[in-house]
Amino acid sequence: MMLAASRPLASKALGPADPRLAGSWTKGKAMRANHPFTRAAHRLLPSLLLFLVGMSNAATAPPQPVVFDATPANAAPSPLGLPDLIRISLERNPALAQAGLDVEAARGRALQAGLYPNPTIGVTGEEIGRRGGIYTLPLISQEIVRGGKLGLSRAVAERQTDQTLLALQRQRYALFTTVRQGYFEVLASRRRIEVLTDLVGLADQSLVNARKLLEAKVIAELDVLQFEVERDRFRADLDAARNEEAASWRRLAAEVGAPDLPRAPLVNLLGDVLPDYGFDEARAFVLEEHPEVRSARVGVTRAQLALRRAEVEKVPNVTADVGYQRNVNDRENEAHFQVSLPVPLWNRNQGNILAAQADVGRSLQEVGRVQNDLSGRLAAAFGRYAAAKVRAERYRASVLPNAQKAYRLAQEAFKGGQFEYLRVLQAQRAAAEANLEYVRVQSEAWQAAGEIAGLLLKDCWPAPAPER
């Protein structure tokens, strides 16, 4: 797939200045330059073309193993950051490569739609006998396309190319969202393992203290069994968390497009400050700039051009035949000329015109449908994000410190024989639940924030924290 960086997004576009107005079409360079999609396309094209070229090279080359650094085998691997995984996904994800090839296929169809019909060359012979005959050589037949059909056909196909390019952009940010959410899922799984590992250590220490009290005959053996049950429960949760972490890494590798991605530490962003988003500003941006909305608006233009193309179909094409005729019998040279065209008496393409008019109305409604869908998706993501962010801040500020302090005090009191074992178990469970719930809400907040970033077309996300 070869792309020229100097090629405009919509070459020789034909369409109305406002794609939301149906039933108008005017030729001319000025209108093409003022087309809203063309203006947006020129801003978008350089980065997309550079991305497409790199993606094309990766798509046509044989898959290569992912290599991160050249550290020795006995050295710890360098941690992977979210930008590293995004880069790998741009190079390796097959769905993105397919979307790029769809753009090339659409460009080819647009080129083909505007090509002029080939001429026909033949030879005829009449009255062929012993004395000779009458020969027409060559007989050239050419169909002359009228009504601007070829220009309109190409314009319709070019709008389809524009929509395919916007579908590539939509696929790109959808991939970013998936990778980002998978990244934080792995981080949360690994943090859950750390929390449960600490809890197992604390449970082991509680069990040691309980056994000392049993030897001193301060508590009964039944009390010690309760501590063993609690310790074993944490161990079971730890084993399950390890299995879930392995599964989440495999899912992330598949989403990136590199199932052979080796296990590596990740840059931990889970505890970073969550970004601030304003719903009204985000909604206004999404409803104006999101690729799905822009594609729907281009669809209006395409439907209008298709309607105009259906209306000019009734303009008949002319077929002209011309040739040189040699009469061997009479030894004369003559010219041959014939012009013909169909007469549109009964078939004036009425049915296709009605269908094209309906498509224009449908495309106008499609813009509103897409905007409503995006508004709902953004609102749902904002709802999840706001709720998780509030809970995460509350857990970090008060719930988690208080639970840890209560467990520490209960453990010290139990070790000195001041508390019964049930008080310690309750504090231990409260601390465990607080830690695990804090990890869960952190992950939920970051995954919702990643979805919002995808809808806002964020390339570099999350933004680095400002230096102090």
Protein backbone atom coordinates (compact mmCIF):
# COMPACT_ATOMS: atom_id res chain seq x y z
CA MET A 1 0.00 0.00 0.00
CA MET A 2 1.66 3.19 -1.21
CA LEU A 3 0.40 6.58 -0.12
CA ALA A 4 1.68 9.92 -1.38
CA ALA A 5 1.95 12.52 1.33
CA SER A 6 1.06 15.27 -1.12
CA ARG A 7 -2.23 13.70 -2.17
CA PRO A 8 -5.29 15.50 -0.77
CA LEU A 9 -7.80 13.59 1.28
CA ALA A 10 -10.70 14.21 -1.09
CA SER A 11 -9.36 14.67 -4.60
CA LYS A 12 -11.48 16.77 -6.95
CA ALA A 13 -14.42 16.73 -4.57
CA LEU A 14 -17.86 17.60 -5.89
CA GLY A 15 -20.52 18.47 -3.36
CA PRO A 16 -22.51 21.18 -1.60
CA ALA A 17 -20.77 23.66 0.68
CA ASP A 18 -22.98 22.56 3.57
CA PRO A 19 -23.43 18.76 3.71
CA ARG A 20 -26.51 19.14 5.89
CA LEU A 21 -28.49 20.83 3.08
CA ALA A 22 -30.08 18.34 0.69
CA GLY A 23 -30.78 18.73 -3.00
CA SER A 24 -28.03 21.10 -4.14
CA TRP A 25 -24.91 20.49 -6.18
CA THR A 26 -22.58 22.87 -7.94
CA LYS A 27 -19.36 22.33 -9.85
CA GLY A 28 -16.30 24.45 -9.21
CA LYS A 29 -13.00 24.59 -7.42
CA ALA A 30 -14.09 27.27 -4.98
CA MET A 31 -16.88 25.13 -3.58
CA ARG A 32 -14.60 22.09 -3.32
CA ALA A 33 -12.05 24.08 -1.35
CA ASN A 34 -14.79 25.30 1.02
CA HIS A 35 -16.23 21.86 1.65
CA PRO A 36 -16.22 21.41 5.47
CA PHE A 37 -14.89 17.90 5.31
CA THR A 38 -12.10 18.96 2.93
CA ARG A 39 -10.98 21.71 5.33
CA ALA A 40 -10.97 19.26 8.25
CA ALA A 41 -9.26 16.64 6.12
CA HIS A 42 -6.30 18.89 5.33
CA ARG A 43 -5.74 19.33 9.06
CA LEU A 44 -6.02 15.61 9.71
CA LEU A 45 -4.25 14.25 6.62
CA PRO A 46 -0.53 14.63 7.47
CA SER A 47 -0.66 12.68 10.72
CA LEU A 48 -2.99 10.07 9.29
CA LEU A 49 -0.85 9.54 6.22
CA LEU A 50 2.30 9.13 8.30
CA PHE A 51 0.44 6.66 10.46
CA LEU A 52 -0.90 4.80 7.41
CA VAL A 53 2.53 4.53 5.81
CA GLY A 54 4.03 3.05 8.95
CA MET A 55 1.07 0.75 9.38
CA SER A 56 1.29 -0.33 5.73
CA ASN A 57 4.94 -1.27 6.10
CA ALA A 58 4.09 -3.31 9.18
CA ALA A 59 1.12 -4.94 7.40
CA THR A 60 3.10 -6.03 4.34
CA ALA A 61 6.15 -7.24 6.26
CA PRO A 62 6.18 -10.69 7.89
CA PRO A 63 5.38 -10.64 11.62
CA GLN A 64 8.46 -10.19 13.76
CA PRO A 65 8.88 -11.02 17.44
CA VAL A 66 8.45 -8.07 19.74
CA VAL A 67 11.78 -6.89 21.14
CA PHE A 68 11.89 -4.27 23.86
CA ASP A 69 15.51 -3.84 24.81
CA ALA A 70 18.84 -5.56 24.77
CA THR A 71 19.20 -6.14 28.49
CA PRO A 72 21.12 -9.28 29.52
CA ALA A 73 19.12 -12.36 30.40
CA ASN A 74 20.04 -12.07 34.08
CA ALA A 75 19.00 -8.41 34.30
CA ALA A 76 15.50 -7.25 35.16
CA PRO A 77 13.50 -6.23 32.05
CA SER A 78 12.76 -2.56 31.59
CA PRO A 79 9.21 -1.58 32.56
CA LEU A 80 6.78 -1.04 29.72
CA GLY A 81 4.82 2.17 29.57
CA LEU A 82 1.44 2.78 28.00
CA PRO A 83 3.06 4.60 25.01
CA ASP A 84 5.13 1.47 24.33
CA LEU A 85 2.03 -0.68 24.12
CA ILE A 86 0.26 1.87 21.93
CA ARG A 87 3.24 1.87 19.57
CA ILE A 88 3.24 -1.91 19.36
CA SER A 89 -0.51 -1.97 18.71
CA LEU A 90 -0.11 0.50 15.82
CA GLU A 91 2.49 -1.79 14.28
CA ARG A 92 0.95 -5.18 14.96
CA ASN A 93 -2.83 -4.93 15.31
CA PRO A 94 -4.42 -6.67 12.29
CA ALA A 95 -7.78 -4.87 12.53
CA LEU A 96 -6.01 -1.55 12.09
CA ALA A 97 -4.08 -2.89 9.12
CA GLN A 98 -7.34 -4.07 7.55
CA ALA A 99 -8.87 -0.61 8.00
CA GLY A 100 -5.87 0.92 6.25
CA LEU A 101 -6.21 -1.47 3.34
CA ASP A 102 -9.90 -0.61 3.13
CA VAL A 103 -8.85 2.99 2.49
CA GLU A 104 -6.64 1.91 -0.41
CA ALA A 105 -9.44 -0.22 -1.85
CA ALA A 106 -11.84 2.74 -1.65
CA ARG A 107 -9.29 4.95 -3.41
CA GLY A 108 -9.07 2.40 -6.20
CA ARG A 109 -12.86 2.27 -6.60
CA ALA A 110 -13.00 6.07 -6.71
CA LEU A 111 -10.38 6.10 -9.47
CA GLN A 112 -12.23 3.47 -11.46
CA ALA A 113 -15.61 5.20 -11.12
CA GLY A 114 -14.48 8.23 -13.12
CA LEU A 115 -12.64 6.49 -15.97
CA TYR A 116 -13.96 7.04 -19.48
CA PRO A 117 -15.24 4.01 -21.46
CA ASN A 118 -12.70 2.45 -23.81
CA PRO A 119 -13.21 2.80 -27.58
CA THR A 120 -14.00 -0.25 -29.71
CA ILE A 121 -11.99 -0.90 -32.87
CA GLY A 122 -13.16 -3.37 -35.53
CA VAL A 123 -13.08 -4.33 -39.19
CA THR A 124 -16.10 -4.99 -41.45
CA GLY A 125 -16.30 -6.52 -44.90
CA GLU A 126 -19.22 -6.56 -47.37
CA GLU A 127 -19.85 -8.02 -50.83
CA ILE A 128 -16.75 -10.11 -50.57
CA GLY A 129 -16.26 -12.10 -53.79
CA ARG A 130 -13.98 -12.78 -56.67
CA ARG A 131 -13.67 -9.11 -57.63
CA GLY A 132 -12.93 -7.96 -54.09
CA GLY A 133 -15.44 -6.34 -51.72
CA ILE A 134 -16.18 -3.33 -49.52
CA TYR A 135 -14.02 -3.02 -46.37
CA THR A 136 -14.23 -0.59 -43.48
CA LEU A 137 -10.86 -0.34 -41.75
CA PRO A 138 -10.65 0.62 -38.98
CA LEU A 139 -14.18 0.98 -37.58
CA ILE A 140 -13.87 2.97 -34.32
CA SER A 141 -16.83 3.14 -31.93
CA GLN A 142 -16.80 5.42 -28.88
CA GLU A 143 -19.48 5.98 -26.25
CA ILE A 144 -19.69 9.66 -25.30
CA VAL A 145 -20.84 10.02 -21.69
CA ARG A 146 -23.10 13.02 -21.16
CA GLY A 147 -24.64 14.80 -18.17
CA GLY A 148 -21.46 14.78 -16.04
CA LYS A 149 -22.09 11.16 -15.04
CA LEU A 150 -18.43 10.25 -14.65
CA GLY A 151 -17.63 13.26 -12.48
CA LEU A 152 -20.60 12.54 -10.25
CA SER A 153 -19.78 8.84 -10.01
CA ARG A 154 -16.24 9.67 -8.95
CA ALA A 155 -17.47 12.27 -6.45
CA VAL A 156 -19.77 9.69 -4.84
CA ALA A 157 -16.90 7.21 -4.63
CA GLU A 158 -14.58 9.85 -3.18
CA ARG A 159 -17.06 10.57 -0.40
CA GLN A 160 -17.03 6.84 0.31
CA THR A 161 -13.23 7.03 0.48
CA ASP A 162 -13.52 9.88 2.98
CA GLN A 163 -15.84 7.79 5.12
CA THR A 164 -13.43 4.86 4.96
CA LEU A 165 -10.60 7.10 6.13
CA LEU A 166 -12.74 8.29 9.03
CA ALA A 167 -13.53 4.66 9.84
CA LEU A 168 -9.77 4.10 10.08
CA GLN A 169 -9.49 6.99 12.52
CA ARG A 170 -12.38 5.63 14.58
CA GLN A 171 -10.75 2.19 14.64
CA ARG A 172 -7.48 3.77 15.77
CA TYR A 173 -8.98 5.45 18.83
CA ALA A 174 -11.10 2.43 19.63
CA LEU A 175 -7.85 0.44 19.71
CA PHE A 176 -6.30 3.05 22.00
CA THR A 177 -9.23 2.72 24.38
CA THR A 178 -9.03 -1.06 24.44
CA VAL A 179 -5.27 -1.08 25.08
CA ARG A 180 -5.55 1.58 27.79
CA GLN A 181 -8.30 -0.28 29.61
CA GLY A 182 -6.37 -3.54 29.36
CA TYR A 183 -3.26 -1.80 30.67
CA PHE A 184 -5.02 -0.63 33.82
CA GLU A 185 -6.68 -4.00 34.22
CA VAL A 186 -3.23 -5.62 34.39
CA LEU A 187 -2.01 -2.94 36.80
CA ALA A 188 -5.00 -3.55 39.05
CA SER A 189 -4.46 -7.32 38.95
CA ARG A 190 -0.83 -6.91 39.94
CA ARG A 191 -1.69 -4.47 42.70
CA ARG A 192 -4.29 -6.94 43.96
CA ILE A 193 -1.58 -9.58 44.16
CA GLU A 194 0.62 -7.22 46.19
CA VAL A 195 -2.22 -6.47 48.61
CA LEU A 196 -3.12 -10.12 49.06
CA THR A 197 0.55 -11.05 49.53
CA ASP A 198 0.79 -8.51 52.34
CA LEU A 199 -2.44 -9.82 53.84
CA VAL A 200 -1.14 -13.37 53.78
CA GLY A 201 1.96 -12.17 55.63
CA LEU A 202 -0.17 -10.38 58.21
CA ALA A 203 -2.40 -13.43 58.59
CA ASP A 204 0.68 -15.60 59.14
CA GLN A 205 1.86 -13.22 61.85
CA SER A 206 -1.58 -13.28 63.50
CA LEU A 207 -1.49 -17.06 63.44
CA VAL A 208 1.95 -17.06 65.08
CA ASN A 209 0.67 -14.77 67.81
CA ALA A 210 -2.41 -16.96 68.28
CA ARG A 211 -0.27 -20.07 68.71
CA LYS A 212 1.84 -18.31 71.33
CA LEU A 213 -1.31 -17.41 73.23
CA LEU A 214 -2.48 -21.02 72.89
CA GLU A 215 0.77 -22.24 74.45
CA ALA A 216 0.23 -19.75 77.24
CA LYS A 217 -3.31 -21.13 77.58
CA VAL A 218 -4.81 -17.69 77.04
CA ILE A 219 -7.01 -18.83 74.13
CA ALA A 220 -8.42 -22.16 73.01
CA GLU A 221 -7.39 -24.29 70.01
CA LEU A 222 -10.67 -23.42 68.29
CA ASP A 223 -9.57 -19.79 68.26
CA VAL A 224 -6.31 -20.73 66.54
CA LEU A 225 -8.25 -22.64 63.88
CA GLN A 226 -10.15 -19.47 63.04
CA PHE A 227 -6.87 -17.72 62.27
CA GLU A 228 -5.77 -20.65 60.11
CA VAL A 229 -9.03 -20.50 58.14
CA GLU A 230 -8.57 -16.78 57.60
CA ARG A 231 -4.97 -17.26 56.46
CA ASP A 232 -5.97 -20.04 54.04
CA ARG A 233 -8.76 -17.89 52.63
CA PHE A 234 -6.28 -15.12 51.83
CA ARG A 235 -3.97 -17.67 50.21
CA ALA A 236 -6.81 -18.93 48.00
CA ASP A 237 -7.63 -15.36 46.99
CA LEU A 238 -3.95 -14.80 46.20
CA ASP A 239 -3.83 -17.85 43.94
CA ALA A 240 -6.96 -16.69 42.13
CA ALA A 241 -5.50 -13.19 41.73
CA ARG A 242 -2.35 -14.62 40.18
CA ASN A 243 -4.38 -16.61 37.67
CA GLU A 244 -6.46 -13.53 36.85
CA GLU A 245 -3.32 -11.45 36.35
CA ALA A 246 -1.96 -14.00 33.87
CA ALA A 247 -5.26 -13.99 31.99
CA SER A 248 -5.42 -10.17 31.93
CA TRP A 249 -1.88 -10.03 30.50
CA ARG A 250 -2.80 -12.49 27.77
CA ARG A 251 -5.88 -10.41 26.94
CA LEU A 252 -3.78 -7.25 26.77
CA ALA A 253 -1.26 -8.96 24.48
CA ALA A 254 -4.08 -10.08 22.17
CA GLU A 255 -5.60 -6.59 22.12
CA VAL A 256 -2.23 -5.10 21.24
CA GLY A 257 -1.95 -7.59 18.39
CA ALA A 258 1.14 -9.36 19.76
CA PRO A 259 0.06 -12.61 21.47
CA ASP A 260 3.76 -13.45 21.89
CA LEU A 261 4.30 -10.34 24.02
CA PRO A 262 6.60 -11.43 26.87
CA ARG A 263 5.63 -10.72 30.44
CA ALA A 264 7.22 -7.50 31.64
CA PRO A 265 6.75 -5.01 34.46
CA LEU A 266 4.53 -2.03 33.67
CA VAL A 267 4.93 1.61 34.61
CA ASN A 268 2.47 1.94 37.48
CA LEU A 269 0.01 4.76 36.81
CA LEU A 270 -2.70 3.38 39.06
CA GLY A 271 -1.91 5.76 41.91
CA ASP A 272 -1.52 8.87 39.73
CA VAL A 273 -3.88 11.79 40.04
CA LEU A 274 -7.00 11.14 38.02
CA PRO A 275 -7.65 13.63 35.20
CA ASP A 276 -10.37 16.26 35.36
CA TYR A 277 -13.00 16.34 32.63
CA GLY A 278 -15.88 18.71 32.03
CA PHE A 279 -18.92 16.98 30.59
CA ASP A 280 -20.31 19.94 28.66
CA GLU A 281 -17.00 20.73 26.99
CA ALA A 282 -16.38 17.07 26.22
CA ARG A 283 -19.86 16.60 24.76
CA ALA A 284 -19.51 19.65 22.52
CA PHE A 285 -16.20 18.36 21.19
CA VAL A 286 -17.44 14.82 20.60
CA LEU A 287 -20.59 15.93 18.77
CA GLU A 288 -18.51 18.09 16.43
CA GLU A 289 -15.19 16.27 15.92
CA HIS A 290 -15.73 12.57 16.52
CA PRO A 291 -15.07 10.48 13.38
CA GLU A 292 -18.50 8.86 13.55
CA VAL A 293 -20.23 12.25 13.45
CA ARG A 294 -18.01 13.51 10.65
CA SER A 295 -18.57 10.32 8.69
CA ALA A 296 -22.33 10.74 9.04
CA ARG A 297 -22.08 14.29 7.71
CA VAL A 298 -19.99 13.12 4.79
CA GLY A 299 -22.70 10.52 4.24
CA VAL A 300 -25.19 13.35 3.69
CA THR A 301 -22.99 14.79 0.97
CA ARG A 302 -22.52 11.38 -0.60
CA ALA A 303 -26.28 10.76 -0.64
CA GLN A 304 -26.90 14.15 -2.25
CA LEU A 305 -24.33 13.42 -4.95
CA ALA A 306 -25.82 9.97 -5.49
CA LEU A 307 -29.24 11.61 -5.96
CA ARG A 308 -27.84 13.99 -8.53
CA ARG A 309 -26.15 11.06 -10.25
CA ALA A 310 -29.46 9.20 -10.42
CA GLU A 311 -31.19 12.29 -11.87
CA VAL A 312 -28.69 12.66 -14.74
CA GLU A 313 -28.87 8.97 -15.62
CA LYS A 314 -31.81 9.74 -17.93
CA VAL A 315 -29.54 11.95 -20.07
CA PRO A 316 -28.68 9.54 -22.93
CA ASN A 317 -25.11 8.76 -23.88
CA VAL A 318 -24.14 9.10 -27.51
CA THR A 319 -22.39 6.32 -29.44
CA ALA A 320 -20.34 7.53 -32.41
CA ASP A 321 -18.91 5.19 -35.09
CA VAL A 322 -16.36 6.40 -37.64
CA GLY A 323 -14.17 4.57 -40.12
CA TYR A 324 -12.41 4.51 -43.52
CA GLN A 325 -14.19 2.48 -46.19
CA ARG A 326 -12.47 0.99 -49.27
CA ASN A 327 -14.68 -0.21 -52.13
CA VAL A 328 -12.43 -2.63 -54.02
CA ASN A 329 -15.12 -3.41 -56.59
CA ASP A 330 -15.47 0.19 -57.75
CA ARG A 331 -12.01 1.28 -56.60
CA GLU A 332 -13.43 4.07 -54.44
CA ASN A 333 -12.56 5.41 -50.98
CA GLU A 334 -15.36 6.48 -48.68
CA ALA A 335 -15.84 7.67 -45.09
CA HIS A 336 -18.19 5.91 -42.67
CA PHE A 337 -19.92 7.79 -39.86
CA GLN A 338 -22.80 6.84 -37.55
CA VAL A 339 -24.27 8.41 -34.40
CA SER A 340 -26.86 6.74 -32.18
CA LEU A 341 -28.41 7.26 -28.77
CA PRO A 342 -31.23 5.69 -26.73
CA VAL A 343 -34.49 7.60 -26.39
CA PRO A 344 -35.63 7.85 -22.71
CA LEU A 345 -39.35 7.37 -23.26
CA TRP A 346 -40.37 4.86 -20.59
CA ASN A 347 -37.27 4.32 -18.42
CA ARG A 348 -36.12 7.61 -17.00
CA ASN A 349 -34.54 6.05 -13.89
CA GLN A 350 -37.58 7.01 -11.81
CA GLY A 351 -37.22 4.19 -9.29
CA ASN A 352 -33.55 4.85 -8.56
CA ILE A 353 -34.27 8.56 -8.13
CA LEU A 354 -36.94 7.80 -5.52
CA ALA A 355 -34.56 5.47 -3.70
CA ALA A 356 -31.79 8.10 -3.76
CA GLN A 357 -34.17 10.70 -2.33
CA ALA A 358 -34.99 8.35 0.53
CA ASP A 359 -31.26 7.79 1.12
CA VAL A 360 -30.75 11.56 1.46
CA GLY A 361 -33.42 11.71 4.15
CA ARG A 362 -32.00 8.68 5.90
CA SER A 363 -28.47 10.15 5.90
CA LEU A 364 -29.78 13.35 7.47
CA GLN A 365 -31.36 11.30 10.26
CA GLU A 366 -28.14 9.29 10.64
CA VAL A 367 -26.30 12.39 11.87
CA GLY A 368 -28.75 12.79 14.74
CA ARG A 369 -28.71 9.08 15.54
CA VAL A 370 -24.91 9.00 15.77
CA GLN A 371 -24.84 12.11 17.95
CA ASN A 372 -27.42 10.62 20.31
CA ASP A 373 -25.45 7.38 20.52
CA LEU A 374 -22.19 9.20 21.28
CA SER A 375 -23.92 11.38 23.87
CA GLY A 376 -25.21 8.27 25.62
CA ARG A 377 -21.81 6.57 25.57
CA LEU A 378 -20.09 9.68 26.88
CA ALA A 379 -22.68 10.15 29.63
CA ALA A 380 -22.33 6.52 30.73
CA ALA A 381 -18.53 6.78 30.82
CA PHE A 382 -18.73 10.05 32.76
CA GLY A 383 -21.14 8.49 35.24
CA ARG A 384 -18.82 5.55 35.92
CA TYR A 385 -15.81 7.83 36.11
CA ALA A 386 -17.32 10.35 38.49
CA ALA A 387 -18.63 7.67 40.86
CA ALA A 388 -15.35 5.73 40.89
CA LYS A 389 -13.27 8.87 41.29
CA VAL A 390 -15.25 10.03 44.34
CA ARG A 391 -15.01 6.59 45.94
CA ALA A 392 -11.28 6.32 45.20
CA GLU A 393 -10.58 9.70 46.79
CA ARG A 394 -12.69 8.82 49.84
CA TYR A 395 -10.93 5.48 50.30
CA ARG A 396 -7.50 7.09 49.90
CA ALA A 397 -8.24 9.95 52.31
CA SER A 398 -10.06 8.20 55.16
CA VAL A 399 -11.33 4.64 54.72
CA LEU A 400 -8.01 2.98 53.98
CA PRO A 401 -5.94 4.77 56.66
CA ASN A 402 -8.58 4.14 59.32
CA ALA A 403 -8.93 0.46 58.43
CA GLN A 404 -5.19 -0.06 58.55
CA LYS A 405 -4.90 1.78 61.85
CA ALA A 406 -7.75 -0.26 63.39
CA TYR A 407 -6.11 -3.52 62.32
CA ARG A 408 -2.71 -2.47 63.69
CA LEU A 409 -4.22 -1.50 67.06
CA ALA A 410 -6.25 -4.72 67.25
CA GLN A 411 -3.19 -6.80 66.40
CA GLU A 412 -1.10 -5.12 69.10
CA ALA A 413 -3.85 -5.50 71.67
CA PHE A 414 -4.38 -9.16 70.80
CA LYS A 415 -0.66 -9.84 71.00
CA GLY A 416 -0.69 -8.42 74.52
CA GLY A 417 -3.73 -10.50 75.45
CA GLN A 418 -6.10 -7.54 75.72
CA PHE A 419 -8.49 -8.38 72.80
CA GLU A 420 -10.30 -11.54 71.86
CA TYR A 421 -9.47 -13.12 68.47
CA LEU A 422 -12.78 -12.13 66.88
CA ARG A 423 -11.90 -8.45 67.18
CA VAL A 424 -8.63 -9.09 65.36
CA LEU A 425 -10.32 -11.11 62.61
CA GLN A 426 -12.90 -8.38 62.07
CA ALA A 427 -10.22 -5.69 61.82
CA GLN A 428 -8.17 -7.90 59.52
CA ARG A 429 -11.10 -8.49 57.18
CA ALA A 430 -12.02 -4.80 57.19
CA ALA A 431 -8.47 -3.86 56.21
CA ALA A 432 -8.40 -6.49 53.47
CA GLU A 433 -11.73 -5.43 52.02
CA ALA A 434 -10.73 -1.75 52.13
CA ASN A 435 -7.46 -2.38 50.30
CA LEU A 436 -9.02 -4.59 47.63
CA GLU A 437 -11.96 -2.24 47.13
CA TYR A 438 -9.59 0.70 46.75
CA VAL A 439 -7.74 -1.14 43.99
CA ARG A 440 -11.03 -1.99 42.30
CA VAL A 441 -12.35 1.57 42.26
CA GLN A 442 -8.97 2.88 41.07
CA SER A 443 -9.09 0.46 38.14
CA GLU A 444 -12.71 1.33 37.38
CA ALA A 445 -11.95 5.05 37.41
CA TRP A 446 -8.96 4.74 35.09
CA GLN A 447 -10.79 2.47 32.67
CA ALA A 448 -13.70 4.91 32.46
CA ALA A 449 -11.22 7.76 32.01
CA GLY A 450 -9.60 5.78 29.18
CA GLU A 451 -12.95 5.48 27.44
CA ILE A 452 -13.51 9.23 27.77
CA ALA A 453 -10.02 9.88 26.37
CA GLY A 454 -10.84 7.71 23.36
CA LEU A 455 -14.03 9.64 22.68
CA LEU A 456 -12.07 12.89 22.98
CA LEU A 457 -9.48 11.59 20.46
CA LYS A 458 -6.57 11.85 22.89
CA ASP A 459 -3.29 10.58 21.44
CA CYS A 460 -1.02 11.23 24.43
CA TRP A 461 -2.89 10.06 27.49
CA PRO A 462 -2.72 10.30 30.41
CA ALA A 463 -0.91 13.61 30.33
CA PRO A 464 2.33 13.66 32.37
CA ALA A 465 2.02 15.20 35.77
CA PRO A 466 3.30 18.80 35.95
CA GLU A 467 6.73 19.25 37.47
CA ARG A 468 6.81 20.83 40.88
